[in-house]
Structure formats: C-alpha cells, structure tokens
Amino acid sequence: MSYLTPNEREWWLQHRATPDAWLPPYLVPAEQDFAVREPGPDEEILLA
C-alpha cells in the first residue's frame, strides 16, 4: 500500500481487488541450483 498514491489505492480496491496477492512473488533459483559458466581468467562474458 505504501507504494501507491491514495488515488491509485482507491482505484485498485475498486477495480482489481482479489483474494490473490497483489504482486506474485518472484523466486530466484536457489544457490545450489544455480549453474552457469563462470568467466575464466582474463575473460569477459557479455551479459546484456
């Protein structure tokens, strides 16, 4: 609620209120499930 202005909050409560969470949680992979190729010495990998 603290991220919404009073007008946005009212609009949300009138139009989109559901029993579901407002924002679905996003789950990142667990560290033990994280497997990517690490850059080698003096290597750079383009990420974005």
ModelCIF file with pLDDT and N, C-alpha, C, O atoms, coordinates in Angstrom:
data_MODEL
#
_entry.id   MODEL 
#
_entity.id                         1 
_entity.type                       polymer 
_entity.pdbx_number_of_molecules   1 
#
_entity_poly.entity_id                      1 
_entity_poly.type                           'polypeptide(L)' 
_entity_poly.nstd_linkage                   no 
_entity_poly.nstd_monomer                   no 
_entity_poly.pdbx_seq_one_letter_code       MSYLTPNEREWWLQHRATPDAWLPPYLVPAEQDFAVREPGPDEEILLA 
_entity_poly.pdbx_seq_one_letter_code_can   MSYLTPNEREWWLQHRATPDAWLPPYLVPAEQDFAVREPGPDEEILLA 
_entity_poly.pdbx_strand_id                 A 
#
loop_
_entity_poly_seq.entity_id 
_entity_poly_seq.num 
_entity_poly_seq.mon_id 
_entity_poly_seq.hetero 
1 1  MET n 
1 2  SER n 
1 3  TYR n 
1 4  LEU n 
1 5  THR n 
1 6  PRO n 
1 7  ASN n 
1 8  GLU n 
1 9  ARG n 
1 10 GLU n 
1 11 TRP n 
1 12 TRP n 
1 13 LEU n 
1 14 GLN n 
1 15 HIS n 
1 16 ARG n 
1 17 ALA n 
1 18 THR n 
1 19 PRO n 
1 20 ASP n 
1 21 ALA n 
1 22 TRP n 
1 23 LEU n 
1 24 PRO n 
1 25 PRO n 
1 26 TYR n 
1 27 LEU n 
1 28 VAL n 
1 29 PRO n 
1 30 ALA n 
1 31 GLU n 
1 32 GLN n 
1 33 ASP n 
1 34 PHE n 
1 35 ALA n 
1 36 VAL n 
1 37 ARG n 
1 38 GLU n 
1 39 PRO n 
1 40 GLY n 
1 41 PRO n 
1 42 ASP n 
1 43 GLU n 
1 44 GLU n 
1 45 ILE n 
1 46 LEU n 
1 47 LEU n 
1 48 ALA n 
#
_struct_asym.id          A 
_struct_asym.entity_id   1 
#
loop_
_ma_qa_metric.id 
_ma_qa_metric.mode 
_ma_qa_metric.name 
_ma_qa_metric.software_group_id 
_ma_qa_metric.type 
1 global pLDDT . pLDDT 
2 local  pLDDT . pLDDT 
#
_ma_qa_metric_global.metric_id      1 
_ma_qa_metric_global.metric_value   80.19 
_ma_qa_metric_global.model_id       1 
_ma_qa_metric_global.ordinal_id     1 
#
loop_
_ma_qa_metric_local.label_asym_id 
_ma_qa_metric_local.label_comp_id 
_ma_qa_metric_local.label_seq_id 
_ma_qa_metric_local.metric_id 
_ma_qa_metric_local.metric_value 
_ma_qa_metric_local.model_id 
_ma_qa_metric_local.ordinal_id 
A MET 1  2 53.00 1 1  
A SER 2  2 64.00 1 2  
A TYR 3  2 70.00 1 3  
A LEU 4  2 74.00 1 4  
A THR 5  2 82.00 1 5  
A PRO 6  2 83.00 1 6  
A ASN 7  2 84.00 1 7  
A GLU 8  2 79.00 1 8  
A ARG 9  2 79.00 1 9  
A GLU 10 2 81.00 1 10 
A TRP 11 2 79.00 1 11 
A TRP 12 2 74.00 1 12 
A LEU 13 2 76.00 1 13 
A GLN 14 2 78.00 1 14 
A HIS 15 2 75.00 1 15 
A ARG 16 2 70.00 1 16 
A ALA 17 2 63.00 1 17 
A THR 18 2 66.00 1 18 
A PRO 19 2 61.00 1 19 
A ASP 20 2 64.00 1 20 
A ALA 21 2 56.00 1 21 
A TRP 22 2 58.00 1 22 
A LEU 23 2 59.00 1 23 
A PRO 24 2 61.00 1 24 
A PRO 25 2 64.00 1 25 
A TYR 26 2 70.00 1 26 
A LEU 27 2 81.00 1 27 
A VAL 28 2 86.00 1 28 
A PRO 29 2 89.00 1 29 
A ALA 30 2 92.00 1 30 
A GLU 31 2 93.00 1 31 
A GLN 32 2 93.00 1 32 
A ASP 33 2 92.00 1 33 
A PHE 34 2 92.00 1 34 
A ALA 35 2 91.00 1 35 
A VAL 36 2 93.00 1 36 
A ARG 37 2 92.00 1 37 
A GLU 38 2 93.00 1 38 
A PRO 39 2 95.00 1 39 
A GLY 40 2 94.00 1 40 
A PRO 41 2 90.00 1 41 
A ASP 42 2 91.00 1 42 
A GLU 43 2 95.00 1 43 
A GLU 44 2 95.00 1 44 
A ILE 45 2 96.00 1 45 
A LEU 46 2 95.00 1 46 
A LEU 47 2 95.00 1 47 
A ALA 48 2 93.00 1 48 
#
loop_
_atom_site.group_PDB 
_atom_site.id 
_atom_site.type_symbol 
_atom_site.label_atom_id 
_atom_site.label_alt_id 
_atom_site.label_comp_id 
_atom_site.label_asym_id 
_atom_site.label_entity_id 
_atom_site.label_seq_id 
_atom_site.pdbx_PDB_ins_code 
_atom_site.Cartn_x 
_atom_site.Cartn_y 
_atom_site.Cartn_z 
_atom_site.occupancy 
_atom_site.B_iso_or_equiv 
_atom_site.pdbx_formal_charge 
_atom_site.auth_seq_id 
_atom_site.auth_comp_id 
_atom_site.auth_asym_id 
_atom_site.auth_atom_id 
_atom_site.pdbx_PDB_model_num 
ATOM 1   N N  . MET A 1 1  ? 0.815   -1.197  0.000   1.00 53.00 ? 1  MET A N  1 
ATOM 2   C CA . MET A 1 1  ? 0.000   0.000   0.000   1.00 53.00 ? 1  MET A CA 1 
ATOM 3   C C  . MET A 1 1  ? 0.855   1.255   0.000   1.00 53.00 ? 1  MET A C  1 
ATOM 4   O O  . MET A 1 1  ? 0.455   2.271   -0.569  1.00 53.00 ? 1  MET A O  1 
ATOM 5   N N  . SER A 1 2  ? 2.009   1.208   0.619   1.00 64.00 ? 2  SER A N  1 
ATOM 6   C CA . SER A 1 2  ? 2.818   2.414   0.730   1.00 64.00 ? 2  SER A CA 1 
ATOM 7   C C  . SER A 1 2  ? 3.388   2.863   -0.609  1.00 64.00 ? 2  SER A C  1 
ATOM 8   O O  . SER A 1 2  ? 3.857   3.996   -0.723  1.00 64.00 ? 2  SER A O  1 
ATOM 9   N N  . TYR A 1 3  ? 3.360   2.007   -1.618  1.00 70.00 ? 3  TYR A N  1 
ATOM 10  C CA . TYR A 1 3  ? 3.878   2.377   -2.930  1.00 70.00 ? 3  TYR A CA 1 
ATOM 11  C C  . TYR A 1 3  ? 2.832   3.041   -3.816  1.00 70.00 ? 3  TYR A C  1 
ATOM 12  O O  . TYR A 1 3  ? 3.166   3.564   -4.878  1.00 70.00 ? 3  TYR A O  1 
ATOM 13  N N  . LEU A 1 4  ? 1.582   3.027   -3.396  1.00 74.00 ? 4  LEU A N  1 
ATOM 14  C CA . LEU A 1 4  ? 0.510   3.587   -4.200  1.00 74.00 ? 4  LEU A CA 1 
ATOM 15  C C  . LEU A 1 4  ? 0.076   4.936   -3.645  1.00 74.00 ? 4  LEU A C  1 
ATOM 16  O O  . LEU A 1 4  ? 0.070   5.149   -2.432  1.00 74.00 ? 4  LEU A O  1 
ATOM 17  N N  . THR A 1 5  ? -0.283  5.832   -4.534  1.00 82.00 ? 5  THR A N  1 
ATOM 18  C CA . THR A 1 5  ? -0.878  7.089   -4.094  1.00 82.00 ? 5  THR A CA 1 
ATOM 19  C C  . THR A 1 5  ? -2.285  6.778   -3.603  1.00 82.00 ? 5  THR A C  1 
ATOM 20  O O  . THR A 1 5  ? -2.816  5.710   -3.909  1.00 82.00 ? 5  THR A O  1 
ATOM 21  N N  . PRO A 1 6  ? -2.900  7.680   -2.850  1.00 83.00 ? 6  PRO A N  1 
ATOM 22  C CA . PRO A 1 6  ? -4.274  7.412   -2.404  1.00 83.00 ? 6  PRO A CA 1 
ATOM 23  C C  . PRO A 1 6  ? -5.238  7.144   -3.563  1.00 83.00 ? 6  PRO A C  1 
ATOM 24  O O  . PRO A 1 6  ? -6.103  6.276   -3.455  1.00 83.00 ? 6  PRO A O  1 
ATOM 25  N N  . ASN A 1 7  ? -5.099  7.875   -4.663  1.00 84.00 ? 7  ASN A N  1 
ATOM 26  C CA . ASN A 1 7  ? -5.977  7.641   -5.824  1.00 84.00 ? 7  ASN A CA 1 
ATOM 27  C C  . ASN A 1 7  ? -5.730  6.267   -6.445  1.00 84.00 ? 7  ASN A C  1 
ATOM 28  O O  . ASN A 1 7  ? -6.680  5.574   -6.808  1.00 84.00 ? 7  ASN A O  1 
ATOM 29  N N  . GLU A 1 8  ? -4.466  5.870   -6.570  1.00 79.00 ? 8  GLU A N  1 
ATOM 30  C CA . GLU A 1 8  ? -4.155  4.551   -7.119  1.00 79.00 ? 8  GLU A CA 1 
ATOM 31  C C  . GLU A 1 8  ? -4.700  3.452   -6.211  1.00 79.00 ? 8  GLU A C  1 
ATOM 32  O O  . GLU A 1 8  ? -5.228  2.449   -6.690  1.00 79.00 ? 8  GLU A O  1 
ATOM 33  N N  . ARG A 1 9  ? -4.572  3.644   -4.912  1.00 79.00 ? 9  ARG A N  1 
ATOM 34  C CA . ARG A 1 9  ? -5.075  2.661   -3.954  1.00 79.00 ? 9  ARG A CA 1 
ATOM 35  C C  . ARG A 1 9  ? -6.592  2.502   -4.092  1.00 79.00 ? 9  ARG A C  1 
ATOM 36  O O  . ARG A 1 9  ? -7.104  1.383   -4.126  1.00 79.00 ? 9  ARG A O  1 
ATOM 37  N N  . GLU A 1 10 ? -7.293  3.609   -4.171  1.00 81.00 ? 10 GLU A N  1 
ATOM 38  C CA . GLU A 1 10 ? -8.753  3.545   -4.326  1.00 81.00 ? 10 GLU A CA 1 
ATOM 39  C C  . GLU A 1 10 ? -9.128  2.844   -5.622  1.00 81.00 ? 10 GLU A C  1 
ATOM 40  O O  . GLU A 1 10 ? -10.018 1.993   -5.641  1.00 81.00 ? 10 GLU A O  1 
ATOM 41  N N  . TRP A 1 11 ? -8.446  3.203   -6.705  1.00 79.00 ? 11 TRP A N  1 
ATOM 42  C CA . TRP A 1 11 ? -8.731  2.577   -7.995  1.00 79.00 ? 11 TRP A CA 1 
ATOM 43  C C  . TRP A 1 11 ? -8.500  1.071   -7.891  1.00 79.00 ? 11 TRP A C  1 
ATOM 44  O O  . TRP A 1 11 ? -9.321  0.278   -8.352  1.00 79.00 ? 11 TRP A O  1 
ATOM 45  N N  . TRP A 1 12 ? -7.386  0.683   -7.287  1.00 74.00 ? 12 TRP A N  1 
ATOM 46  C CA . TRP A 1 12 ? -7.075  -0.739  -7.164  1.00 74.00 ? 12 TRP A CA 1 
ATOM 47  C C  . TRP A 1 12 ? -8.156  -1.458  -6.360  1.00 74.00 ? 12 TRP A C  1 
ATOM 48  O O  . TRP A 1 12 ? -8.629  -2.520  -6.766  1.00 74.00 ? 12 TRP A O  1 
ATOM 49  N N  . LEU A 1 13 ? -8.536  -0.899  -5.251  1.00 76.00 ? 13 LEU A N  1 
ATOM 50  C CA . LEU A 1 13 ? -9.533  -1.551  -4.415  1.00 76.00 ? 13 LEU A CA 1 
ATOM 51  C C  . LEU A 1 13 ? -10.879 -1.675  -5.116  1.00 76.00 ? 13 LEU A C  1 
ATOM 52  O O  . LEU A 1 13 ? -11.609 -2.640  -4.891  1.00 76.00 ? 13 LEU A O  1 
ATOM 53  N N  . GLN A 1 14 ? -11.211 -0.711  -5.960  1.00 78.00 ? 14 GLN A N  1 
ATOM 54  C CA . GLN A 1 14 ? -12.487 -0.755  -6.674  1.00 78.00 ? 14 GLN A CA 1 
ATOM 55  C C  . GLN A 1 14 ? -12.464 -1.682  -7.883  1.00 78.00 ? 14 GLN A C  1 
ATOM 56  O O  . GLN A 1 14 ? -13.470 -2.328  -8.175  1.00 78.00 ? 14 GLN A O  1 
ATOM 57  N N  . HIS A 1 15 ? -11.347 -1.764  -8.588  1.00 75.00 ? 15 HIS A N  1 
ATOM 58  C CA . HIS A 1 15 ? -11.305 -2.472  -9.868  1.00 75.00 ? 15 HIS A CA 1 
ATOM 59  C C  . HIS A 1 15 ? -10.551 -3.792  -9.866  1.00 75.00 ? 15 HIS A C  1 
ATOM 60  O O  . HIS A 1 15 ? -10.905 -4.695  -10.624 1.00 75.00 ? 15 HIS A O  1 
ATOM 61  N N  . ARG A 1 16 ? -9.552  -3.928  -9.060  1.00 70.00 ? 16 ARG A N  1 
ATOM 62  C CA . ARG A 1 16 ? -8.688  -5.104  -9.169  1.00 70.00 ? 16 ARG A CA 1 
ATOM 63  C C  . ARG A 1 16 ? -8.576  -5.912  -7.883  1.00 70.00 ? 16 ARG A C  1 
ATOM 64  O O  . ARG A 1 16 ? -7.804  -6.869  -7.832  1.00 70.00 ? 16 ARG A O  1 
ATOM 65  N N  . ALA A 1 17 ? -9.299  -5.563  -6.880  1.00 63.00 ? 17 ALA A N  1 
ATOM 66  C CA . ALA A 1 17 ? -9.173  -6.280  -5.611  1.00 63.00 ? 17 ALA A CA 1 
ATOM 67  C C  . ALA A 1 17 ? -9.565  -7.744  -5.783  1.00 63.00 ? 17 ALA A C  1 
ATOM 68  O O  . ALA A 1 17 ? -10.662 -8.058  -6.246  1.00 63.00 ? 17 ALA A O  1 
ATOM 69  N N  . THR A 1 18 ? -8.666  -8.618  -5.408  1.00 66.00 ? 18 THR A N  1 
ATOM 70  C CA . THR A 1 18 ? -8.905  -10.054 -5.449  1.00 66.00 ? 18 THR A CA 1 
ATOM 71  C C  . THR A 1 18 ? -8.303  -10.663 -4.189  1.00 66.00 ? 18 THR A C  1 
ATOM 72  O O  . THR A 1 18 ? -7.518  -10.009 -3.503  1.00 66.00 ? 18 THR A O  1 
ATOM 73  N N  . PRO A 1 19 ? -8.656  -11.891 -3.880  1.00 61.00 ? 19 PRO A N  1 
ATOM 74  C CA . PRO A 1 19 ? -8.020  -12.518 -2.719  1.00 61.00 ? 19 PRO A CA 1 
ATOM 75  C C  . PRO A 1 19 ? -6.558  -12.886 -2.982  1.00 61.00 ? 19 PRO A C  1 
ATOM 76  O O  . PRO A 1 19 ? -5.829  -13.207 -2.044  1.00 61.00 ? 19 PRO A O  1 
ATOM 77  N N  . ASP A 1 20 ? -6.120  -12.843 -4.246  1.00 64.00 ? 20 ASP A N  1 
ATOM 78  C CA . ASP A 1 20 ? -4.737  -13.175 -4.576  1.00 64.00 ? 20 ASP A CA 1 
ATOM 79  C C  . ASP A 1 20 ? -3.810  -12.048 -4.143  1.00 64.00 ? 20 ASP A C  1 
ATOM 80  O O  . ASP A 1 20 ? -4.233  -10.910 -3.938  1.00 64.00 ? 20 ASP A O  1 
ATOM 81  N N  . ALA A 1 21 ? -2.560  -12.389 -4.012  1.00 56.00 ? 21 ALA A N  1 
ATOM 82  C CA . ALA A 1 21 ? -1.568  -11.358 -3.692  1.00 56.00 ? 21 ALA A CA 1 
ATOM 83  C C  . ALA A 1 21 ? -1.524  -10.324 -4.818  1.00 56.00 ? 21 ALA A C  1 
ATOM 84  O O  . ALA A 1 21 ? -1.723  -10.656 -5.986  1.00 56.00 ? 21 ALA A O  1 
ATOM 85  N N  . TRP A 1 22 ? -1.270  -9.102  -4.462  1.00 58.00 ? 22 TRP A N  1 
ATOM 86  C CA . TRP A 1 22 ? -1.216  -8.050  -5.480  1.00 58.00 ? 22 TRP A CA 1 
ATOM 87  C C  . TRP A 1 22 ? -0.083  -8.294  -6.454  1.00 58.00 ? 22 TRP A C  1 
ATOM 88  O O  . TRP A 1 22 ? -0.264  -8.213  -7.669  1.00 58.00 ? 22 TRP A O  1 
ATOM 89  N N  . LEU A 1 23 ? 1.055   -8.587  -5.927  1.00 59.00 ? 23 LEU A N  1 
ATOM 90  C CA . LEU A 1 23 ? 2.198   -8.887  -6.771  1.00 59.00 ? 23 LEU A CA 1 
ATOM 91  C C  . LEU A 1 23 ? 2.643   -10.306 -6.484  1.00 59.00 ? 23 LEU A C  1 
ATOM 92  O O  . LEU A 1 23 ? 2.962   -10.635 -5.341  1.00 59.00 ? 23 LEU A O  1 
ATOM 93  N N  . PRO A 1 24 ? 2.670   -11.146 -7.493  1.00 61.00 ? 24 PRO A N  1 
ATOM 94  C CA . PRO A 1 24 ? 3.135   -12.507 -7.230  1.00 61.00 ? 24 PRO A CA 1 
ATOM 95  C C  . PRO A 1 24 ? 4.618   -12.464 -6.851  1.00 61.00 ? 24 PRO A C  1 
ATOM 96  O O  . PRO A 1 24 ? 5.379   -11.698 -7.443  1.00 61.00 ? 24 PRO A O  1 
ATOM 97  N N  . PRO A 1 25 ? 5.025   -13.252 -5.902  1.00 64.00 ? 25 PRO A N  1 
ATOM 98  C CA . PRO A 1 25 ? 6.448   -13.241 -5.535  1.00 64.00 ? 25 PRO A CA 1 
ATOM 99  C C  . PRO A 1 25 ? 7.278   -13.801 -6.673  1.00 64.00 ? 25 PRO A C  1 
ATOM 100 O O  . PRO A 1 25 ? 6.845   -14.717 -7.372  1.00 64.00 ? 25 PRO A O  1 
ATOM 101 N N  . TYR A 1 26 ? 8.449   -13.262 -6.856  1.00 70.00 ? 26 TYR A N  1 
ATOM 102 C CA . TYR A 1 26 ? 9.326   -13.863 -7.847  1.00 70.00 ? 26 TYR A CA 1 
ATOM 103 C C  . TYR A 1 26 ? 10.384  -14.639 -7.095  1.00 70.00 ? 26 TYR A C  1 
ATOM 104 O O  . TYR A 1 26 ? 10.944  -14.176 -6.101  1.00 70.00 ? 26 TYR A O  1 
ATOM 105 N N  . LEU A 1 27 ? 10.635  -15.806 -7.587  1.00 81.00 ? 27 LEU A N  1 
ATOM 106 C CA . LEU A 1 27 ? 11.547  -16.722 -6.926  1.00 81.00 ? 27 LEU A CA 1 
ATOM 107 C C  . LEU A 1 27 ? 12.775  -16.909 -7.797  1.00 81.00 ? 27 LEU A C  1 
ATOM 108 O O  . LEU A 1 27 ? 12.683  -17.354 -8.941  1.00 81.00 ? 27 LEU A O  1 
ATOM 109 N N  . VAL A 1 28 ? 13.900  -16.571 -7.248  1.00 86.00 ? 28 VAL A N  1 
ATOM 110 C CA . VAL A 1 28 ? 15.154  -16.786 -7.967  1.00 86.00 ? 28 VAL A CA 1 
ATOM 111 C C  . VAL A 1 28 ? 15.609  -18.210 -7.702  1.00 86.00 ? 28 VAL A C  1 
ATOM 112 O O  . VAL A 1 28 ? 15.200  -18.821 -6.715  1.00 86.00 ? 28 VAL A O  1 
ATOM 113 N N  . PRO A 1 29 ? 16.449  -18.742 -8.575  1.00 89.00 ? 29 PRO A N  1 
ATOM 114 C CA . PRO A 1 29 ? 16.946  -20.096 -8.338  1.00 89.00 ? 29 PRO A CA 1 
ATOM 115 C C  . PRO A 1 29 ? 17.707  -20.157 -7.011  1.00 89.00 ? 29 PRO A C  1 
ATOM 116 O O  . PRO A 1 29 ? 18.341  -19.182 -6.607  1.00 89.00 ? 29 PRO A O  1 
ATOM 117 N N  . ALA A 1 30 ? 17.641  -21.281 -6.353  1.00 92.00 ? 30 ALA A N  1 
ATOM 118 C CA . ALA A 1 30 ? 18.445  -21.484 -5.153  1.00 92.00 ? 30 ALA A CA 1 
ATOM 119 C C  . ALA A 1 30 ? 19.918  -21.561 -5.557  1.00 92.00 ? 30 ALA A C  1 
ATOM 120 O O  . ALA A 1 30 ? 20.255  -21.969 -6.669  1.00 92.00 ? 30 ALA A O  1 
ATOM 121 N N  . GLU A 1 31 ? 20.760  -21.169 -4.651  1.00 93.00 ? 31 GLU A N  1 
ATOM 122 C CA . GLU A 1 31 ? 22.192  -21.146 -4.987  1.00 93.00 ? 31 GLU A CA 1 
ATOM 123 C C  . GLU A 1 31 ? 22.700  -22.516 -5.413  1.00 93.00 ? 31 GLU A C  1 
ATOM 124 O O  . GLU A 1 31 ? 23.538  -22.612 -6.310  1.00 93.00 ? 31 GLU A O  1 
ATOM 125 N N  . GLN A 1 32 ? 22.204  -23.582 -4.781  1.00 93.00 ? 32 GLN A N  1 
ATOM 126 C CA . GLN A 1 32 ? 22.670  -24.918 -5.151  1.00 93.00 ? 32 GLN A CA 1 
ATOM 127 C C  . GLN A 1 32 ? 22.162  -25.341 -6.530  1.00 93.00 ? 32 GLN A C  1 
ATOM 128 O O  . GLN A 1 32 ? 22.718  -26.259 -7.132  1.00 93.00 ? 32 GLN A O  1 
ATOM 129 N N  . ASP A 1 33 ? 21.109  -24.683 -7.041  1.00 92.00 ? 33 ASP A N  1 
ATOM 130 C CA . ASP A 1 33 ? 20.584  -24.990 -8.376  1.00 92.00 ? 33 ASP A CA 1 
ATOM 131 C C  . ASP A 1 33 ? 21.135  -24.068 -9.455  1.00 92.00 ? 33 ASP A C  1 
ATOM 132 O O  . ASP A 1 33 ? 20.827  -24.232 -10.636 1.00 92.00 ? 33 ASP A O  1 
ATOM 133 N N  . PHE A 1 34 ? 21.936  -23.114 -9.055  1.00 92.00 ? 34 PHE A N  1 
ATOM 134 C CA . PHE A 1 34 ? 22.477  -22.118 -9.988  1.00 92.00 ? 34 PHE A CA 1 
ATOM 135 C C  . PHE A 1 34 ? 23.694  -22.700 -10.691 1.00 92.00 ? 34 PHE A C  1 
ATOM 136 O O  . PHE A 1 34 ? 24.687  -23.043 -10.048 1.00 92.00 ? 34 PHE A O  1 
ATOM 137 N N  . ALA A 1 35 ? 23.615  -22.807 -11.989 1.00 91.00 ? 35 ALA A N  1 
ATOM 138 C CA . ALA A 1 35 ? 24.720  -23.368 -12.759 1.00 91.00 ? 35 ALA A CA 1 
ATOM 139 C C  . ALA A 1 35 ? 24.883  -22.592 -14.060 1.00 91.00 ? 35 ALA A C  1 
ATOM 140 O O  . ALA A 1 35 ? 24.115  -22.777 -15.004 1.00 91.00 ? 35 ALA A O  1 
ATOM 141 N N  . VAL A 1 36 ? 25.874  -21.734 -14.100 1.00 93.00 ? 36 VAL A N  1 
ATOM 142 C CA . VAL A 1 36 ? 26.232  -21.034 -15.334 1.00 93.00 ? 36 VAL A CA 1 
ATOM 143 C C  . VAL A 1 36 ? 27.749  -21.127 -15.497 1.00 93.00 ? 36 VAL A C  1 
ATOM 144 O O  . VAL A 1 36 ? 28.485  -21.401 -14.549 1.00 93.00 ? 36 VAL A O  1 
ATOM 145 N N  . ARG A 1 37 ? 28.171  -20.896 -16.690 1.00 92.00 ? 37 ARG A N  1 
ATOM 146 C CA . ARG A 1 37 ? 29.618  -20.925 -16.957 1.00 92.00 ? 37 ARG A CA 1 
ATOM 147 C C  . ARG A 1 37 ? 30.257  -19.685 -16.350 1.00 92.00 ? 37 ARG A C  1 
ATOM 148 O O  . ARG A 1 37 ? 29.841  -18.559 -16.622 1.00 92.00 ? 37 ARG A O  1 
ATOM 149 N N  . GLU A 1 38 ? 31.258  -19.903 -15.538 1.00 93.00 ? 38 GLU A N  1 
ATOM 150 C CA . GLU A 1 38 ? 31.990  -18.789 -14.946 1.00 93.00 ? 38 GLU A CA 1 
ATOM 151 C C  . GLU A 1 38 ? 33.019  -18.271 -15.937 1.00 93.00 ? 38 GLU A C  1 
ATOM 152 O O  . GLU A 1 38 ? 33.600  -19.049 -16.694 1.00 93.00 ? 38 GLU A O  1 
ATOM 153 N N  . PRO A 1 39 ? 33.248  -16.962 -15.936 1.00 95.00 ? 39 PRO A N  1 
ATOM 154 C CA . PRO A 1 39 ? 34.308  -16.450 -16.807 1.00 95.00 ? 39 PRO A CA 1 
ATOM 155 C C  . PRO A 1 39 ? 35.669  -16.949 -16.330 1.00 95.00 ? 39 PRO A C  1 
ATOM 156 O O  . PRO A 1 39 ? 35.931  -17.022 -15.130 1.00 95.00 ? 39 PRO A O  1 
ATOM 157 N N  . GLY A 1 40 ? 36.512  -17.285 -17.270 1.00 94.00 ? 40 GLY A N  1 
ATOM 158 C CA . GLY A 1 40 ? 37.861  -17.719 -16.927 1.00 94.00 ? 40 GLY A CA 1 
ATOM 159 C C  . GLY A 1 40 ? 38.743  -16.519 -16.614 1.00 94.00 ? 40 GLY A C  1 
ATOM 160 O O  . GLY A 1 40 ? 38.292  -15.376 -16.694 1.00 94.00 ? 40 GLY A O  1 
ATOM 161 N N  . PRO A 1 41 ? 39.995  -16.772 -16.260 1.00 90.00 ? 41 PRO A N  1 
ATOM 162 C CA . PRO A 1 41 ? 40.916  -15.663 -16.011 1.00 90.00 ? 41 PRO A CA 1 
ATOM 163 C C  . PRO A 1 41 ? 41.042  -14.802 -17.269 1.00 90.00 ? 41 PRO A C  1 
ATOM 164 O O  . PRO A 1 41 ? 41.190  -15.320 -18.376 1.00 90.00 ? 41 PRO A O  1 
ATOM 165 N N  . ASP A 1 42 ? 40.984  -13.513 -17.087 1.00 91.00 ? 42 ASP A N  1 
ATOM 166 C CA . ASP A 1 42 ? 41.102  -12.545 -18.195 1.00 91.00 ? 42 ASP A CA 1 
ATOM 167 C C  . ASP A 1 42 ? 40.011  -12.693 -19.251 1.00 91.00 ? 42 ASP A C  1 
ATOM 168 O O  . ASP A 1 42 ? 40.191  -12.243 -20.383 1.00 91.00 ? 42 ASP A O  1 
ATOM 169 N N  . GLU A 1 43 ? 38.885  -13.315 -18.904 1.00 95.00 ? 43 GLU A N  1 
ATOM 170 C CA . GLU A 1 43 ? 37.762  -13.464 -19.831 1.00 95.00 ? 43 GLU A CA 1 
ATOM 171 C C  . GLU A 1 43 ? 36.594  -12.608 -19.365 1.00 95.00 ? 43 GLU A C  1 
ATOM 172 O O  . GLU A 1 43 ? 36.340  -12.485 -18.167 1.00 95.00 ? 43 GLU A O  1 
ATOM 173 N N  . GLU A 1 44 ? 35.898  -12.027 -20.307 1.00 95.00 ? 44 GLU A N  1 
ATOM 174 C CA . GLU A 1 44 ? 34.672  -11.294 -20.015 1.00 95.00 ? 44 GLU A CA 1 
ATOM 175 C C  . GLU A 1 44 ? 33.531  -11.954 -20.765 1.00 95.00 ? 44 GLU A C  1 
ATOM 176 O O  . GLU A 1 44 ? 33.694  -12.404 -21.899 1.00 95.00 ? 44 GLU A O  1 
ATOM 177 N N  . ILE A 1 45 ? 32.384  -12.006 -20.125 1.00 96.00 ? 45 ILE A N  1 
ATOM 178 C CA . ILE A 1 45 ? 31.194  -12.578 -20.757 1.00 96.00 ? 45 ILE A CA 1 
ATOM 179 C C  . ILE A 1 45 ? 30.166  -11.469 -20.888 1.00 96.00 ? 45 ILE A C  1 
ATOM 180 O O  . ILE A 1 45 ? 29.856  -10.780 -19.917 1.00 96.00 ? 45 ILE A O  1 
ATOM 181 N N  . LEU A 1 46 ? 29.638  -11.301 -22.095 1.00 95.00 ? 46 LEU A N  1 
ATOM 182 C CA . LEU A 1 46 ? 28.590  -10.313 -22.337 1.00 95.00 ? 46 LEU A CA 1 
ATOM 183 C C  . LEU A 1 46 ? 27.301  -10.804 -21.696 1.00 95.00 ? 46 LEU A C  1 
ATOM 184 O O  . LEU A 1 46 ? 26.793  -11.871 -22.040 1.00 95.00 ? 46 LEU A O  1 
ATOM 185 N N  . LEU A 1 47 ? 26.779  -10.022 -20.765 1.00 95.00 ? 47 LEU A N  1 
ATOM 186 C CA . LEU A 1 47 ? 25.558  -10.398 -20.067 1.00 95.00 ? 47 LEU A CA 1 
ATOM 187 C C  . LEU A 1 47 ? 24.340  -9.701  -20.649 1.00 95.00 ? 47 LEU A C  1 
ATOM 188 O O  . LEU A 1 47 ? 23.255  -10.281 -20.694 1.00 95.00 ? 47 LEU A O  1 
ATOM 189 N N  . ALA A 1 48 ? 24.509  -8.440  -21.104 1.00 93.00 ? 48 ALA A N  1 
ATOM 190 C CA . ALA A 1 48 ? 23.350  -7.709  -21.614 1.00 93.00 ? 48 ALA A CA 1 
ATOM 191 C C  . ALA A 1 48 ? 23.795  -6.564  -22.518 1.00 93.00 ? 48 ALA A C  1 
ATOM 192 O O  . ALA A 1 48 ? 22.957  -5.831  -23.045 1.00 93.00 ? 48 ALA A O  1 
#
